[in-house]
Amino acid sequence: MKFARKWLPAFLMLAAIFFGQTRALAAGDASHGEQLYQGCQDCHSLDTNDVGPKHRGVFGRKAGSVPDYSYSAALKSSGITWTDNTLDQWLTNPQKFVPGSEMFYHLDSAQDRADVIEYLKQRAK
């Protein structure tokens, strides 16, 4: 029993890591991400607000903060800052990540998400 008490915390921490409590993002391919981004352009562009907000400067920007775009109350109050991880979660399932947000489009493939994110990192500076 003494052995179990000593090693239990370390075991639980390793189990949490192993079973996905931390997310490792795939390496992105910006050229494939650019192709995929064409599907996003029904609502978004890099430099102009449309149905969705512009993406120029998205990395490091607080969600809901482009001054000339009308965001949902849910996104404006989310407190999210756009990073690799938050964009991956958003593109996985925006409605689950920010309930009440207006975006429904998602990417099922982790690699596709990584590719779009890499494209945005390189092109949306």
C-alpha atoms as a PDB file:
ATOM      1  CA  MET A   1       0.000   0.000   0.000  1.00  0.00           C
ATOM      2  CA  LYS A   2       2.880   2.363   0.781  1.00  0.00           C
ATOM      3  CA  PHE A   3       4.260   1.724  -2.725  1.00  0.00           C
ATOM      4  CA  ALA A   4       0.903   2.578  -4.320  1.00  0.00           C
ATOM      5  CA  ARG A   5       0.606   5.870  -2.434  1.00  0.00           C
ATOM      6  CA  LYS A   6       4.108   6.839  -3.452  1.00  0.00           C
ATOM      7  CA  TRP A   7       3.711   6.117  -7.168  1.00  0.00           C
ATOM      8  CA  LEU A   8       0.000   6.800  -7.704  1.00  0.00           C
ATOM      9  CA  PRO A   9       0.369  10.542  -8.469  1.00  0.00           C
ATOM     10  CA  ALA A  10       3.069   9.896 -11.077  1.00  0.00           C
ATOM     11  CA  PHE A  11       1.031   7.106 -12.632  1.00  0.00           C
ATOM     12  CA  LEU A  12      -2.076   9.311 -12.843  1.00  0.00           C
ATOM     13  CA  MET A  13      -0.136  12.132 -14.459  1.00  0.00           C
ATOM     14  CA  LEU A  14       1.362   9.808 -17.072  1.00  0.00           C
ATOM     15  CA  ALA A  15      -2.035   8.240 -17.731  1.00  0.00           C
ATOM     16  CA  ALA A  16      -3.580  11.673 -18.286  1.00  0.00           C
ATOM     17  CA  ILE A  17      -0.880  12.560 -20.803  1.00  0.00           C
ATOM     18  CA  PHE A  18      -1.137   9.203 -22.533  1.00  0.00           C
ATOM     19  CA  PHE A  19      -4.920   9.301 -22.813  1.00  0.00           C
ATOM     20  CA  GLY A  20      -5.042  12.683 -24.487  1.00  0.00           C
ATOM     21  CA  GLN A  21      -5.248  15.310 -21.798  1.00  0.00           C
ATOM     22  CA  THR A  22      -2.653  17.210 -23.815  1.00  0.00           C
ATOM     23  CA  ARG A  23      -2.996  17.737 -27.546  1.00  0.00           C
ATOM     24  CA  ALA A  24      -0.132  17.362 -29.934  1.00  0.00           C
ATOM     25  CA  LEU A  25      -0.766  19.173 -33.185  1.00  0.00           C
ATOM     26  CA  ALA A  26       0.343  17.720 -36.482  1.00  0.00           C
ATOM     27  CA  ALA A  27       2.906  19.641 -38.520  1.00  0.00           C
ATOM     28  CA  GLY A  28       1.109  21.788 -41.066  1.00  0.00           C
ATOM     29  CA  ASP A  29       1.594  22.102 -44.832  1.00  0.00           C
ATOM     30  CA  ALA A  30       0.837  25.708 -45.801  1.00  0.00           C
ATOM     31  CA  SER A  31       0.458  24.982 -49.534  1.00  0.00           C
ATOM     32  CA  HIS A  32      -2.227  22.361 -48.851  1.00  0.00           C
ATOM     33  CA  GLY A  33      -3.740  24.725 -46.289  1.00  0.00           C
ATOM     34  CA  GLU A  34      -4.024  27.387 -48.994  1.00  0.00           C
ATOM     35  CA  GLN A  35      -6.019  24.967 -51.144  1.00  0.00           C
ATOM     36  CA  LEU A  36      -8.278  24.116 -48.213  1.00  0.00           C
ATOM     37  CA  TYR A  37      -8.695  27.802 -47.342  1.00  0.00           C
ATOM     38  CA  GLN A  38     -10.470  28.314 -50.658  1.00  0.00           C
ATOM     39  CA  GLY A  39     -13.455  26.575 -49.018  1.00  0.00           C
ATOM     40  CA  CYS A  40     -13.288  29.101 -46.179  1.00  0.00           C
ATOM     41  CA  GLN A  41     -13.527  31.983 -48.642  1.00  0.00           C
ATOM     42  CA  ASP A  42     -17.282  31.542 -48.955  1.00  0.00           C
ATOM     43  CA  CYS A  43     -17.384  33.468 -45.663  1.00  0.00           C
ATOM     44  CA  HIS A  44     -13.844  34.757 -44.960  1.00  0.00           C
ATOM     45  CA  SER A  45     -10.914  36.493 -46.608  1.00  0.00           C
ATOM     46  CA  LEU A  46      -7.547  37.582 -45.321  1.00  0.00           C
ATOM     47  CA  ASP A  47      -8.207  41.310 -45.625  1.00  0.00           C
ATOM     48  CA  THR A  48     -11.948  41.995 -45.704  1.00  0.00           C
ATOM     49  CA  ASN A  49     -14.840  41.218 -43.417  1.00  0.00           C
ATOM     50  CA  ASP A  50     -17.621  39.282 -45.097  1.00  0.00           C
ATOM     51  CA  VAL A  51     -20.031  36.787 -43.550  1.00  0.00           C
ATOM     52  CA  GLY A  52     -17.097  36.004 -41.249  1.00  0.00           C
ATOM     53  CA  PRO A  53     -14.326  38.301 -40.003  1.00  0.00           C
ATOM     54  CA  LYS A  54     -11.074  38.895 -41.855  1.00  0.00           C
ATOM     55  CA  HIS A  55      -8.187  36.642 -40.943  1.00  0.00           C
ATOM     56  CA  ARG A  56      -5.222  39.003 -41.375  1.00  0.00           C
ATOM     57  CA  GLY A  57      -3.558  39.226 -37.966  1.00  0.00           C
ATOM     58  CA  VAL A  58      -5.590  36.374 -36.489  1.00  0.00           C
ATOM     59  CA  PHE A  59      -2.681  34.823 -34.530  1.00  0.00           C
ATOM     60  CA  GLY A  60      -2.416  36.318 -31.094  1.00  0.00           C
ATOM     61  CA  ARG A  61      -5.642  38.277 -31.579  1.00  0.00           C
ATOM     62  CA  LYS A  62      -8.379  38.066 -28.998  1.00  0.00           C
ATOM     63  CA  ALA A  63     -11.506  36.385 -30.397  1.00  0.00           C
ATOM     64  CA  GLY A  64     -14.286  38.814 -31.219  1.00  0.00           C
ATOM     65  CA  SER A  65     -12.012  41.840 -31.374  1.00  0.00           C
ATOM     66  CA  VAL A  66     -11.946  43.039 -35.000  1.00  0.00           C
ATOM     67  CA  PRO A  67     -13.530  46.463 -34.451  1.00  0.00           C
ATOM     68  CA  ASP A  68     -15.571  46.645 -37.657  1.00  0.00           C
ATOM     69  CA  TYR A  69     -17.146  43.168 -37.461  1.00  0.00           C
ATOM     70  CA  SER A  70     -20.343  42.160 -35.656  1.00  0.00           C
ATOM     71  CA  TYR A  71     -19.545  39.014 -33.649  1.00  0.00           C
ATOM     72  CA  SER A  72     -21.880  36.780 -31.679  1.00  0.00           C
ATOM     73  CA  ALA A  73     -22.075  37.622 -27.995  1.00  0.00           C
ATOM     74  CA  ALA A  74     -20.680  34.143 -27.246  1.00  0.00           C
ATOM     75  CA  LEU A  75     -17.481  34.734 -29.204  1.00  0.00           C
ATOM     76  CA  LYS A  76     -17.024  38.295 -27.936  1.00  0.00           C
ATOM     77  CA  SER A  77     -17.216  37.122 -24.339  1.00  0.00           C
ATOM     78  CA  SER A  78     -15.212  33.898 -24.807  1.00  0.00           C
ATOM     79  CA  GLY A  79     -11.872  35.321 -23.665  1.00  0.00           C
ATOM     80  CA  ILE A  80     -10.081  33.194 -26.272  1.00  0.00           C
ATOM     81  CA  THR A  81      -6.834  34.274 -27.879  1.00  0.00           C
ATOM     82  CA  TRP A  82      -6.175  32.627 -31.253  1.00  0.00           C
ATOM     83  CA  THR A  83      -3.218  30.241 -31.105  1.00  0.00           C
ATOM     84  CA  ASP A  84      -2.429  26.939 -32.803  1.00  0.00           C
ATOM     85  CA  ASN A  85      -4.286  25.090 -30.068  1.00  0.00           C
ATOM     86  CA  THR A  86      -7.371  27.303 -29.887  1.00  0.00           C
ATOM     87  CA  LEU A  87      -7.710  27.399 -33.680  1.00  0.00           C
ATOM     88  CA  ASP A  88      -7.428  23.606 -33.785  1.00  0.00           C
ATOM     89  CA  GLN A  89     -10.226  23.288 -31.223  1.00  0.00           C
ATOM     90  CA  TRP A  90     -12.311  25.897 -33.055  1.00  0.00           C
ATOM     91  CA  LEU A  91     -11.908  24.209 -36.445  1.00  0.00           C
ATOM     92  CA  THR A  92     -12.678  20.812 -34.899  1.00  0.00           C
ATOM     93  CA  ASN A  93     -16.090  21.909 -33.632  1.00  0.00           C
ATOM     94  CA  PRO A  94     -16.782  25.632 -33.258  1.00  0.00           C
ATOM     95  CA  GLN A  95     -20.182  25.076 -31.639  1.00  0.00           C
ATOM     96  CA  LYS A  96     -18.727  22.825 -28.961  1.00  0.00           C
ATOM     97  CA  PHE A  97     -15.700  25.064 -28.374  1.00  0.00           C
ATOM     98  CA  VAL A  98     -17.793  28.246 -28.088  1.00  0.00           C
ATOM     99  CA  PRO A  99     -21.468  27.367 -27.613  1.00  0.00           C
ATOM    100  CA  GLY A 100     -23.629  30.049 -29.177  1.00  0.00           C
ATOM    101  CA  SER A 101     -21.072  31.037 -31.794  1.00  0.00           C
ATOM    102  CA  GLU A 102     -22.338  31.456 -35.338  1.00  0.00           C
ATOM    103  CA  MET A 103     -19.779  29.365 -37.223  1.00  0.00           C
ATOM    104  CA  PHE A 104     -20.794  25.824 -38.083  1.00  0.00           C
ATOM    105  CA  TYR A 105     -18.111  24.891 -40.630  1.00  0.00           C
ATOM    106  CA  HIS A 106     -15.523  22.432 -39.315  1.00  0.00           C
ATOM    107  CA  LEU A 107     -12.658  20.266 -40.517  1.00  0.00           C
ATOM    108  CA  ASP A 108     -12.729  16.632 -39.422  1.00  0.00           C
ATOM    109  CA  SER A 109      -9.130  15.840 -40.366  1.00  0.00           C
ATOM    110  CA  ALA A 110      -6.449  16.860 -37.856  1.00  0.00           C
ATOM    111  CA  GLN A 111      -4.000  17.179 -40.747  1.00  0.00           C
ATOM    112  CA  ASP A 112      -6.338  19.477 -42.687  1.00  0.00           C
ATOM    113  CA  ARG A 113      -6.754  21.650 -39.602  1.00  0.00           C
ATOM    114  CA  ALA A 114      -2.980  21.806 -39.127  1.00  0.00           C
ATOM    115  CA  ASP A 115      -2.548  22.727 -42.801  1.00  0.00           C
ATOM    116  CA  VAL A 116      -5.086  25.566 -42.671  1.00  0.00           C
ATOM    117  CA  ILE A 117      -3.561  26.829 -39.426  1.00  0.00           C
ATOM    118  CA  GLU A 118      -0.077  26.796 -40.958  1.00  0.00           C
ATOM    119  CA  TYR A 119      -1.375  28.671 -44.007  1.00  0.00           C
ATOM    120  CA  LEU A 120      -2.938  31.302 -41.760  1.00  0.00           C
ATOM    121  CA  LYS A 121       0.256  31.592 -39.712  1.00  0.00           C
ATOM    122  CA  GLN A 122       2.303  32.260 -42.833  1.00  0.00           C
ATOM    123  CA  ARG A 123      -0.150  34.358 -44.838  1.00  0.00           C
ATOM    124  CA  ALA A 124      -2.292  36.152 -42.282  1.00  0.00           C
ATOM    125  CA  LYS A 125       0.498  38.058 -40.524  1.00  0.00           C
END
